[in-house]
């Protein structure tokens, strides 16, 4: 006995006289191609909206940023120049501050080591350029040759002392120079180059003769 056949069908009560269709029929029916074209067009419109709303503004911002790169580069170069100038000024100020500290130490040493019979007239720090055409001795190292070619810093001290019989003026000068060379503030930086004592053309208020003393110290090679 054959099995009972079962046929499923839909009854569209809202649209009498029309055959109801499933969702597959919406695509495969007679108007499926037109519906697919409409869906494709709607998708393309959505893509265009996304393109205009997101991609194009980002592209414009990128163009603006790229156009600003040369200006930022020039600003960075200007800031770098200002930074170099500031660093150079700070180094100069630091060197000047160290020089002032060393100079204050030297003046303190001079005031402490000057004998009562010696009167300072001049304390001067200067630089003496090497003679033109002077060359370093044969066999000198590269550092010694560079040192020989630069200006030499000198400390010049001039003083007066009344002329007295015997050796007190020479003793005062010797004690003064020995005290300077013992003091670290002077001995670390300077070395004795020359000294001289001779009669001066000037005289004291009482008509006594005065001896002029000249001491020259040179900068040590660091």
Protein backbone atom coordinates (compact mmCIF):
# COMPACT_ATOMS: atom_id res chain seq x y z
CA UNK A 1 0.00 0.00 0.00
CA UNK A 2 1.64 3.30 -1.06
CA UNK A 3 2.56 5.81 1.62
CA UNK A 4 0.31 8.80 2.07
CA UNK A 5 1.63 11.89 0.28
CA UNK A 6 1.95 15.16 2.22
CA UNK A 7 1.91 18.47 0.36
CA UNK A 8 2.71 21.72 2.21
CA UNK A 9 1.26 24.95 0.92
CA UNK A 10 0.62 28.50 2.14
CA UNK A 11 -2.64 30.35 2.10
CA UNK A 12 -2.35 34.12 1.79
CA UNK A 13 -5.53 35.44 3.39
CA UNK A 14 -4.44 39.08 3.08
CA UNK A 15 -4.05 38.94 -0.72
CA UNK A 16 -6.74 36.66 -2.10
CA UNK A 17 -6.21 35.48 -5.65
CA UNK A 18 -2.36 35.66 -5.40
CA UNK A 19 -0.06 32.72 -4.97
CA UNK A 20 2.11 33.22 -1.86
CA UNK A 21 5.87 32.97 -2.34
CA UNK A 22 8.73 32.04 0.00
CA UNK A 23 11.89 34.18 0.55
CA UNK A 24 13.68 32.08 -2.09
CA UNK A 25 11.14 33.19 -4.60
CA UNK A 26 11.97 36.84 -3.79
CA UNK A 27 15.41 36.26 -5.33
CA UNK A 28 14.71 33.63 -7.96
CA UNK A 29 11.41 34.99 -9.16
CA UNK A 30 10.73 36.95 -12.30
CA UNK A 31 11.78 40.20 -10.58
CA UNK A 32 14.81 38.70 -8.79
CA UNK A 33 17.33 40.37 -11.12
CA UNK A 34 15.85 43.83 -10.57
CA UNK A 35 15.79 43.30 -6.82
CA UNK A 36 19.45 42.18 -6.84
CA UNK A 37 20.38 45.29 -8.86
CA UNK A 38 18.61 47.50 -6.34
CA UNK A 39 20.44 45.80 -3.45
CA UNK A 40 23.77 46.24 -5.25
CA UNK A 41 23.02 49.93 -5.89
CA UNK A 42 22.09 50.44 -2.23
CA UNK A 43 25.36 48.79 -1.13
CA UNK A 44 27.33 51.04 -3.49
CA UNK A 45 25.55 54.09 -2.06
CA UNK A 46 26.43 52.96 1.47
CA UNK A 47 30.09 52.55 0.46
CA UNK A 48 30.11 56.03 -1.07
CA UNK A 49 28.63 57.49 2.12
CA UNK A 50 31.32 55.74 4.19
CA UNK A 51 34.00 56.99 1.78
CA UNK A 52 32.87 60.61 1.97
CA UNK A 53 32.20 60.49 5.71
CA UNK A 54 35.42 58.79 6.89
CA UNK A 55 38.09 58.34 4.23
CA UNK A 56 38.05 61.75 2.54
CA UNK A 57 38.30 63.83 5.77
CA UNK A 58 41.17 61.66 6.94
CA UNK A 59 42.88 62.16 3.57
CA UNK A 60 42.41 65.93 3.83
CA UNK A 61 43.87 65.94 7.34
CA UNK A 62 46.83 63.93 6.07
CA UNK A 63 47.41 66.45 3.28
CA UNK A 64 47.27 69.31 5.79
CA UNK A 65 49.75 67.53 8.07
CA UNK A 66 52.12 66.85 5.16
CA UNK A 67 51.91 70.50 4.10
CA UNK A 68 52.83 71.54 7.66
CA UNK A 69 55.97 69.36 7.77
CA UNK A 70 58.32 71.94 6.10
CA UNK A 71 57.18 74.64 8.52
CA UNK A 72 57.70 72.33 11.49
CA UNK A 73 61.14 71.41 10.16
CA UNK A 74 62.15 75.07 9.90
CA UNK A 75 60.80 75.72 13.41
CA UNK A 76 62.80 72.78 14.72
CA UNK A 77 65.95 74.11 13.04
CA UNK A 78 65.34 77.55 14.59
CA UNK A 79 64.80 76.02 18.03
CA UNK A 80 67.97 73.95 17.61
CA UNK A 81 69.93 77.10 16.73
CA UNK A 82 68.52 78.89 19.78
CA UNK A 83 69.38 75.88 21.95
CA UNK A 84 72.97 75.84 20.67
CA UNK A 85 73.28 79.58 21.34
CA UNK A 86 71.85 79.13 24.84
CA UNK A 87 74.24 76.24 25.52
CA UNK A 88 77.17 78.35 24.30
CA UNK A 89 76.09 81.24 26.54
CA UNK A 90 75.75 78.92 29.51
CA UNK A 91 79.23 77.51 28.89
CA UNK A 92 80.64 81.03 28.66
CA UNK A 93 78.89 82.00 31.90
CA UNK A 94 80.17 78.84 33.58
CA UNK A 95 83.73 79.55 32.46
CA UNK A 96 83.45 83.16 33.62
CA UNK A 97 82.07 82.04 36.98
CA UNK A 98 84.97 79.59 37.44
CA UNK A 99 87.43 82.34 36.44
CA UNK A 100 85.89 84.72 38.98
CA UNK A 101 86.15 82.08 41.71
CA UNK A 102 89.80 81.38 40.87
CA UNK A 103 90.53 85.11 40.71
CA UNK A 104 88.92 85.62 44.14
CA UNK A 105 91.10 82.79 45.52
CA UNK A 106 94.22 84.42 44.05
CA UNK A 107 93.35 87.81 45.58
CA UNK A 108 92.72 86.17 48.94
CA UNK A 109 96.13 84.47 48.76
CA UNK A 110 97.84 87.74 47.83
CA UNK A 111 96.28 89.55 50.77
CA UNK A 112 97.33 86.76 53.14
CA UNK A 113 100.90 86.31 51.86
CA UNK A 114 101.91 89.97 51.36
CA UNK A 115 104.53 91.02 53.97
CA UNK A 116 103.92 94.24 55.93
CA UNK A 117 106.85 95.97 54.22
CA UNK A 118 105.57 95.21 50.72
CA UNK A 119 102.94 97.37 49.02
CA UNK A 120 101.13 95.92 46.00
CA UNK A 121 100.66 98.34 43.12
CA UNK A 122 99.41 96.11 40.29
CA UNK A 123 97.86 92.65 40.00
CA UNK A 124 97.00 91.80 36.41
CA UNK A 125 95.96 88.66 34.56
CA UNK A 126 96.52 88.68 30.81
CA UNK A 127 97.27 86.51 27.82
CA UNK A 128 100.51 86.67 25.88
CA UNK A 129 100.40 85.42 22.28
CA UNK A 130 103.37 83.29 21.14
CA UNK A 131 105.87 85.02 18.84
CA UNK A 132 105.00 84.94 15.14
CA UNK A 133 106.64 82.02 13.38
CA UNK A 134 107.46 80.21 16.62
CA UNK A 135 107.47 76.44 16.20
CA UNK A 136 107.43 73.62 18.71
CA UNK A 137 110.74 71.87 19.40
CA UNK A 138 111.63 68.73 17.49
CA UNK A 139 110.21 65.57 19.03
CA UNK A 140 107.43 67.39 20.88
CA UNK A 141 104.13 65.55 21.25
CA UNK A 142 100.96 66.68 19.52
CA UNK A 143 99.52 68.02 22.81
CA UNK A 144 102.68 69.99 23.54
CA UNK A 145 102.68 71.42 20.03
CA UNK A 146 99.03 72.53 20.42
CA UNK A 147 99.86 74.12 23.79
CA UNK A 148 102.85 75.96 22.33
CA UNK A 149 100.66 77.50 19.65
CA UNK A 150 98.03 79.03 21.96
CA UNK A 151 98.13 82.23 24.00
CA UNK A 152 99.77 81.94 27.42
CA UNK A 153 97.94 83.28 30.47
CA UNK A 154 100.12 85.24 32.85
CA UNK A 155 99.71 86.73 36.32
CA UNK A 156 101.76 89.90 36.73
CA UNK A 157 102.37 91.38 40.19
CA UNK A 158 104.09 94.70 40.77
CA UNK A 159 104.93 95.99 44.24
CA UNK A 160 107.10 98.56 46.04
CA UNK A 161 109.12 98.36 49.21
CA UNK A 162 111.29 100.98 50.91
CA UNK A 163 115.00 100.51 50.36
CA UNK A 164 116.64 99.40 53.61
CA UNK A 165 120.23 98.48 54.34
CA UNK A 166 120.97 94.80 54.43
CA UNK A 167 118.75 92.06 53.04
CA UNK A 168 115.22 92.71 54.43
CA UNK A 169 113.75 93.67 51.00
CA UNK A 170 115.08 90.47 49.42
CA UNK A 171 113.83 88.44 52.37
CA UNK A 172 110.36 89.97 52.03
CA UNK A 173 110.24 89.19 48.31
CA UNK A 174 111.48 85.64 48.86
CA UNK A 175 108.90 85.02 51.59
CA UNK A 176 106.16 86.50 49.41
CA UNK A 177 107.00 84.29 46.41
CA UNK A 178 107.40 81.20 48.60
CA UNK A 179 104.00 81.84 50.20
CA UNK A 180 102.38 82.20 46.77
CA UNK A 181 103.88 78.96 45.50
CA UNK A 182 102.80 77.06 48.62
CA UNK A 183 99.18 78.13 48.33
CA UNK A 184 97.10 75.62 46.27
CA UNK A 185 94.95 78.38 44.75
CA UNK A 186 98.04 79.76 42.98
CA UNK A 187 100.39 76.78 42.67
CA UNK A 188 97.80 74.56 40.92
CA UNK A 189 97.29 77.14 38.19
CA UNK A 190 100.51 79.18 37.90
CA UNK A 191 104.25 78.61 37.91
CA UNK A 192 106.92 81.21 38.59
CA UNK A 193 108.37 82.54 35.33
CA UNK A 194 110.49 85.50 36.37
CA UNK A 195 110.99 88.07 39.07
CA UNK A 196 112.94 91.32 39.28
CA UNK A 197 113.83 93.86 41.96
CA UNK A 198 115.42 97.18 41.07
CA UNK A 199 115.57 100.78 42.29
CA UNK A 200 112.52 102.83 41.35
CA UNK A 201 112.48 106.38 40.04
CA UNK A 202 109.89 107.37 42.65
CA UNK A 203 110.57 108.01 46.31
CA UNK A 204 108.59 108.09 49.53
CA UNK A 205 107.23 111.28 51.07
CA UNK A 206 110.29 111.40 53.30
CA UNK A 207 112.64 111.18 50.33
CA UNK A 208 113.64 107.54 50.94
CA UNK A 209 114.46 105.41 47.93
CA UNK A 210 111.93 102.77 46.83
CA UNK A 211 112.62 99.37 45.28
CA UNK A 212 110.31 98.20 42.47
CA UNK A 213 109.46 94.49 42.44
CA UNK A 214 108.03 92.69 39.41
CA UNK A 215 106.88 89.04 39.56
CA UNK A 216 105.49 87.14 36.55
CA UNK A 217 103.67 83.81 36.88
CA UNK A 218 102.63 81.72 33.89
CA UNK A 219 99.73 79.31 33.52
CA UNK A 220 100.58 75.67 34.06
CA UNK A 221 99.91 73.20 31.24
CA UNK A 222 96.87 71.16 32.24
